[in-house]
Amino acid sequence: MRLAVFDRPGEGPFRIGVVEAGPDVELVRDITAVLPAVFDSWPEQRMNWLIRNWAELASRLPAAGGDQLPVASVVLRAANPAPPQLFAIPANFRAHLGEIGDRSVTTGGRTAREAGFFLKAAGSVSGAGEPVALPAGSTRRFDHECELGVVIGRGGRNIPRERAFEHVFGYSCLIDMTMRIERGSFEEDRSLRKSFRGFTPLGPYLVTADEIPDVTALHSRLLVNGVQRQSAEMKDMIVPIDEAIELISSVVDLRPGDVIASGTPGGVDRVTPGDEVTIAVDGVGEMTLSVVEAEPAPRPF
């Protein structure tokens, strides 16, 4: 099943829908009424509640009714707008190792297996209907990183690899935007440089795991202004998804709705305001985002 979080004119933000094929256009069926009304005052948490209660709800959704709207008529938000935790796996494709030179913080040939994981701010997630906004007036370098987003369905601690996929709810396209370090000048923590608002586009939809029988067979690609820059097969990950879940859960409890950014292939490069970035993962989705300049902030970068 393909799920979407969207804003519907006149109906409030962060509504939940099932994406369905129409005769001419893609449609989203608004199933928000199935969820408890208490979330009307906390709408960004609707998807987390749905994930937690999926076993009881999934069979009811096909007959749940709800208005059908063209996807083009709504604003798509992040596939999960409020993940409890947002993890990222660095240096997870050999073609990416060393490609950004001394701007890299994963040096000496270290891969994801040695480096582990890092955290991004959960507030950095955004959706297909929102632009990527770079800090106003900045002369820094900002890069795209094409990734597969893994959404946790069942939480847990010390999850062995052979049980890891039992804890996966679904998948989404994910872009890990990054402000690069400037050696000798700026060397902010990696989490800061990757956590600006809108620096983790996640969408356009959340595709449930039953739709993806073999995640290692997936192919991803990223284009800037129509020119392909990145392409990868998930089977080429150094630390595959099941091992990443084992690793993270050996350190901290995973929770329903958590997101794991599974790592970027080679081809990482710069984007600037005015660019259009397209990410696609076969069987998962495709979205195109505009790169703009953000409103000025009290702290320049």
Protein backbone atom coordinates (compact mmCIF):
# COMPACT_ATOMS: atom_id res chain seq x y z
CA MET A 1 0.00 0.00 0.00
CA ARG A 2 1.15 3.54 -0.71
CA LEU A 3 0.39 6.07 2.02
CA ALA A 4 0.67 9.85 1.84
CA VAL A 5 0.63 12.73 4.28
CA PHE A 6 -0.81 15.86 2.73
CA ASP A 7 -2.42 19.25 3.23
CA ARG A 8 -5.90 19.62 1.78
CA PRO A 9 -7.25 23.13 1.18
CA GLY A 10 -9.83 24.00 3.81
CA GLU A 11 -9.32 20.76 5.76
CA GLY A 12 -6.15 21.35 7.76
CA PRO A 13 -2.61 19.98 7.51
CA PHE A 14 -1.03 16.53 7.79
CA ARG A 15 -3.96 14.48 6.58
CA ILE A 16 -3.51 10.78 5.82
CA GLY A 17 -4.32 9.22 2.47
CA VAL A 18 -4.05 6.02 0.48
CA VAL A 19 -2.58 6.63 -2.98
CA GLU A 20 -4.46 4.85 -5.76
CA ALA A 21 -4.27 4.77 -9.55
CA GLY A 22 -7.05 6.69 -11.28
CA PRO A 23 -8.11 6.41 -14.93
CA ASP A 24 -6.00 9.41 -15.93
CA VAL A 25 -4.22 10.74 -12.82
CA GLU A 26 -2.92 9.46 -9.51
CA LEU A 27 -5.45 9.88 -6.70
CA VAL A 28 -5.16 10.12 -2.94
CA ARG A 29 -8.09 8.83 -0.86
CA ASP A 30 -8.47 10.80 2.36
CA ILE A 31 -8.73 8.31 5.25
CA THR A 32 -8.07 10.81 8.04
CA ALA A 33 -11.50 10.11 9.55
CA VAL A 34 -10.35 6.58 10.45
CA LEU A 35 -7.83 8.01 12.91
CA PRO A 36 -8.76 9.27 16.41
CA ALA A 37 -10.07 12.84 16.45
CA VAL A 38 -7.59 13.73 19.20
CA PHE A 39 -4.96 14.05 16.46
CA ASP A 40 -6.86 16.98 14.96
CA SER A 41 -4.91 19.08 17.49
CA TRP A 42 -1.66 17.16 16.90
CA PRO A 43 -1.89 16.28 13.20
CA GLU A 44 1.80 15.74 12.50
CA GLN A 45 1.61 12.66 14.78
CA ARG A 46 -1.11 10.92 12.76
CA MET A 47 1.33 8.80 10.76
CA ASN A 48 3.13 7.61 13.89
CA TRP A 49 -0.20 6.48 15.36
CA LEU A 50 -1.12 4.73 12.11
CA ILE A 51 2.20 2.87 12.07
CA ARG A 52 1.79 1.80 15.71
CA ASN A 53 -1.72 0.49 15.04
CA TRP A 54 -1.20 -0.87 11.54
CA ALA A 55 -1.94 -4.51 12.40
CA GLU A 56 -5.47 -3.58 13.45
CA LEU A 57 -6.12 -0.96 10.77
CA ALA A 58 -4.62 -2.30 7.54
CA SER A 59 -7.50 -4.63 6.66
CA ARG A 60 -10.06 -1.86 7.24
CA LEU A 61 -8.52 0.76 4.98
CA PRO A 62 -9.63 -0.58 1.56
CA ALA A 63 -13.28 -0.25 2.63
CA ALA A 64 -12.84 2.87 4.73
CA GLY A 65 -14.21 5.27 2.12
CA GLY A 66 -13.03 8.85 1.91
CA ASP A 67 -12.87 11.53 -0.75
CA GLN A 68 -10.60 10.85 -3.70
CA LEU A 69 -8.51 13.81 -4.78
CA PRO A 70 -5.96 14.22 -7.58
CA VAL A 71 -2.50 14.11 -6.01
CA ALA A 72 -1.69 17.28 -7.95
CA SER A 73 -4.40 19.13 -6.02
CA VAL A 74 -2.84 18.61 -2.58
CA VAL A 75 0.46 19.54 -0.94
CA LEU A 76 2.49 16.44 -0.13
CA ARG A 77 4.25 16.55 3.23
CA ALA A 78 6.99 14.24 4.52
CA ALA A 79 6.09 10.55 4.38
CA ASN A 80 6.39 10.67 8.18
CA PRO A 81 6.41 14.32 9.27
CA ALA A 82 7.45 13.68 12.89
CA PRO A 83 9.74 10.66 13.19
CA PRO A 84 10.70 10.07 16.84
CA GLN A 85 14.32 9.53 15.74
CA LEU A 86 16.19 10.09 12.49
CA PHE A 87 19.33 7.98 11.99
CA ALA A 88 21.78 8.12 9.08
CA ILE A 89 24.39 5.66 7.86
CA PRO A 90 27.58 7.32 6.50
CA ALA A 91 30.08 5.99 3.94
CA ASN A 92 27.84 3.10 2.89
CA PHE A 93 28.73 2.79 -0.82
CA ARG A 94 32.31 2.29 -1.96
CA ALA A 95 31.86 4.67 -4.91
CA HIS A 96 31.24 7.51 -2.43
CA LEU A 97 34.31 6.88 -0.29
CA GLY A 98 36.79 9.73 -0.62
CA GLU A 99 34.93 11.52 -3.42
CA ILE A 100 34.61 14.83 -1.54
CA GLY A 101 38.26 14.85 -0.47
CA ASP A 102 39.21 16.84 2.62
CA ARG A 103 35.61 17.95 3.10
CA SER A 104 34.83 14.46 4.36
CA VAL A 105 34.64 13.60 8.06
CA THR A 106 34.79 9.86 7.32
CA THR A 107 38.47 9.54 6.44
CA GLY A 108 41.18 6.92 6.23
CA GLY A 109 39.06 4.49 4.25
CA ARG A 110 36.58 4.04 7.09
CA THR A 111 33.20 2.76 5.99
CA ALA A 112 29.80 2.54 7.64
CA ARG A 113 30.92 -0.67 9.30
CA GLU A 114 33.56 1.22 11.29
CA ALA A 115 31.81 4.60 11.57
CA GLY A 116 28.41 3.36 12.75
CA PHE A 117 25.64 5.94 12.46
CA PHE A 118 24.89 9.57 13.26
CA LEU A 119 21.75 11.57 14.03
CA LYS A 120 19.92 14.23 12.07
CA ALA A 121 17.31 16.49 13.63
CA ALA A 122 13.86 14.99 13.10
CA GLY A 123 12.65 18.52 12.38
CA SER A 124 14.69 18.52 9.16
CA VAL A 125 12.20 16.27 7.33
CA SER A 126 10.09 17.76 4.55
CA GLY A 127 7.89 16.51 1.73
CA ALA A 128 7.56 16.43 -2.04
CA GLY A 129 5.42 19.56 -1.97
CA GLU A 130 8.04 21.64 -0.18
CA PRO A 131 11.25 23.22 -1.52
CA VAL A 132 14.80 22.65 -0.28
CA ALA A 133 15.74 26.00 1.29
CA LEU A 134 19.45 26.79 1.61
CA PRO A 135 20.60 29.29 4.27
CA ALA A 136 20.20 32.85 3.02
CA GLY A 137 23.26 34.53 1.57
CA SER A 138 25.55 31.58 2.26
CA THR A 139 28.67 31.00 0.18
CA ARG A 140 29.10 27.50 1.58
CA ARG A 141 28.81 24.35 -0.51
CA PHE A 142 25.53 22.41 -0.19
CA ASP A 143 25.36 18.86 -1.57
CA HIS A 144 22.63 16.36 -2.42
CA GLU A 145 22.82 12.75 -1.24
CA CYS A 146 20.46 10.19 -2.78
CA GLU A 147 19.25 7.63 -0.23
CA LEU A 148 16.57 5.09 0.58
CA GLY A 149 14.54 5.96 3.67
CA VAL A 150 13.62 3.02 5.91
CA VAL A 151 10.66 3.56 8.26
CA ILE A 152 10.46 1.41 11.37
CA GLY A 153 7.14 -0.26 12.14
CA ARG A 154 7.79 -2.27 15.27
CA GLY A 155 10.22 -0.94 17.82
CA GLY A 156 12.74 -2.95 19.75
CA ARG A 157 16.19 -3.28 21.28
CA ASN A 158 19.01 -5.67 20.35
CA ILE A 159 17.31 -6.80 17.14
CA PRO A 160 19.35 -9.52 15.38
CA ARG A 161 19.87 -9.22 11.63
CA GLU A 162 17.76 -12.28 10.89
CA ARG A 163 14.74 -10.61 12.54
CA ALA A 164 15.41 -7.05 11.31
CA PHE A 165 12.92 -6.89 8.45
CA GLU A 166 10.13 -7.87 10.84
CA HIS A 167 10.60 -4.36 12.26
CA VAL A 168 10.39 -2.46 8.94
CA PHE A 169 7.11 -0.73 8.14
CA GLY A 170 8.04 0.64 4.74
CA TYR A 171 10.24 2.69 2.47
CA SER A 172 10.45 6.15 0.95
CA CYS A 173 12.82 8.22 -1.18
CA LEU A 174 15.12 10.35 0.96
CA ILE A 175 17.58 13.13 0.18
CA ASP A 176 20.23 13.86 2.81
CA MET A 177 21.14 17.50 2.16
CA THR A 178 24.49 18.57 3.60
CA MET A 179 26.39 21.78 4.24
CA ARG A 180 30.04 20.87 3.71
CA ILE A 181 32.83 21.73 6.11
CA GLU A 182 35.46 24.34 5.22
CA ARG A 183 38.82 23.12 6.52
CA GLY A 184 40.59 25.76 8.60
CA SER A 185 37.47 27.90 8.84
CA PHE A 186 34.22 26.12 9.63
CA GLU A 187 34.12 22.64 11.08
CA GLU A 188 30.67 22.38 12.65
CA ASP A 189 29.34 19.06 13.88
CA ARG A 190 27.91 16.83 11.14
CA SER A 191 24.46 16.78 12.75
CA LEU A 192 24.25 20.58 12.57
CA ARG A 193 25.33 20.69 8.95
CA LYS A 194 22.64 18.18 7.95
CA SER A 195 19.77 19.42 10.11
CA PHE A 196 18.55 22.66 8.57
CA ARG A 197 14.79 22.74 8.13
CA GLY A 198 13.92 20.89 4.91
CA PHE A 199 17.31 19.14 4.65
CA THR A 200 15.72 15.67 4.71
CA PRO A 201 13.10 15.45 1.96
CA LEU A 202 11.21 12.19 2.55
CA GLY A 203 8.55 11.10 0.06
CA PRO A 204 6.57 11.35 -2.02
CA TYR A 205 4.85 8.39 -0.36
CA LEU A 206 5.44 5.73 2.27
CA VAL A 207 5.33 2.34 0.56
CA THR A 208 4.58 -0.52 2.94
CA ALA A 209 7.18 -3.27 3.18
CA ASP A 210 4.90 -5.95 1.71
CA GLU A 211 5.12 -4.09 -1.62
CA ILE A 212 8.93 -4.51 -1.68
CA PRO A 213 9.74 -8.24 -1.47
CA ASP A 214 13.50 -7.75 -2.03
CA VAL A 215 14.91 -4.42 -0.97
CA THR A 216 18.37 -5.36 -2.30
CA ALA A 217 16.92 -5.37 -5.83
CA LEU A 218 15.93 -1.70 -5.69
CA HIS A 219 17.64 0.85 -7.91
CA SER A 220 17.91 4.54 -7.02
CA ARG A 221 18.91 7.60 -9.02
CA LEU A 222 19.16 11.36 -8.55
CA LEU A 223 19.12 14.05 -11.22
CA VAL A 224 19.80 17.79 -11.05
CA ASN A 225 18.15 19.88 -13.75
CA GLY A 226 17.43 16.70 -15.70
CA VAL A 227 21.04 15.43 -15.66
CA GLN A 228 21.69 12.21 -13.76
CA ARG A 229 24.35 12.51 -11.06
CA GLN A 230 23.78 9.46 -8.86
CA SER A 231 22.69 5.89 -9.49
CA ALA A 232 22.94 2.82 -7.27
CA GLU A 233 21.74 -0.68 -6.52
CA MET A 234 20.77 -1.33 -2.92
CA LYS A 235 22.64 -4.64 -3.06
CA ASP A 236 25.88 -2.64 -3.14
CA MET A 237 25.46 -1.20 0.36
CA ILE A 238 28.44 -1.93 2.61
CA VAL A 239 26.15 -2.18 5.63
CA PRO A 240 22.79 -3.50 4.39
CA ILE A 241 19.52 -2.48 5.99
CA ASP A 242 19.22 -5.53 8.25
CA GLU A 243 22.72 -4.96 9.64
CA ALA A 244 21.99 -1.25 10.14
CA ILE A 245 18.90 -2.12 12.20
CA GLU A 246 20.95 -4.57 14.27
CA LEU A 247 23.63 -1.92 14.83
CA ILE A 248 21.30 0.92 15.81
CA SER A 249 19.12 -1.22 18.06
CA SER A 250 22.23 -2.48 19.85
CA VAL A 251 22.80 1.12 20.97
CA VAL A 252 19.31 2.58 21.45
CA ASP A 253 15.71 1.41 21.33
CA LEU A 254 14.10 1.78 17.92
CA ARG A 255 10.58 3.21 17.94
CA PRO A 256 7.66 2.96 15.51
CA GLY A 257 7.98 5.77 12.98
CA ASP A 258 11.76 6.13 13.25
CA VAL A 259 13.53 6.79 9.95
CA ILE A 260 16.89 5.42 8.83
CA ALA A 261 18.70 7.16 5.96
CA SER A 262 20.57 4.20 4.52
CA GLY A 263 23.53 5.92 2.82
CA THR A 264 24.43 7.62 -0.45
CA PRO A 265 26.21 6.29 -3.55
CA GLY A 266 28.86 8.11 -5.55
CA GLY A 267 28.06 11.21 -7.54
CA VAL A 268 27.43 13.59 -4.63
CA ASP A 269 27.68 17.18 -5.85
CA ARG A 270 26.63 20.75 -5.23
CA VAL A 271 23.21 22.36 -5.65
CA THR A 272 22.35 26.06 -5.63
CA PRO A 273 19.12 28.10 -5.59
CA GLY A 274 17.27 27.72 -8.87
CA ASP A 275 18.15 24.04 -9.32
CA GLU A 276 15.60 21.25 -9.53
CA VAL A 277 16.47 17.95 -7.87
CA THR A 278 14.71 14.69 -8.78
CA ILE A 279 15.08 11.49 -6.77
CA ALA A 280 13.58 8.16 -7.78
CA VAL A 281 13.68 4.67 -6.33
CA ASP A 282 12.14 1.93 -8.46
CA GLY A 283 9.00 0.59 -6.82
CA VAL A 284 9.07 3.30 -4.15
CA GLY A 285 8.46 6.61 -5.88
CA GLU A 286 9.81 9.74 -7.49
CA MET A 287 9.75 13.40 -6.53
CA THR A 288 11.15 16.65 -7.89
CA LEU A 289 12.07 19.49 -5.53
CA SER A 290 13.01 23.10 -6.16
CA VAL A 291 16.10 24.51 -4.47
CA VAL A 292 15.51 28.01 -3.10
CA GLU A 293 17.10 30.45 -0.67
CA ALA A 294 15.64 30.45 2.85
CA GLU A 295 14.53 33.52 4.76
CA PRO A 296 17.41 35.27 6.54
CA ALA A 297 18.22 33.85 9.98
CA PRO A 298 19.80 35.58 13.00
CA ARG A 299 22.84 33.30 12.63
CA PRO A 300 24.40 33.37 9.14
CA PHE A 301 26.14 30.35 7.63
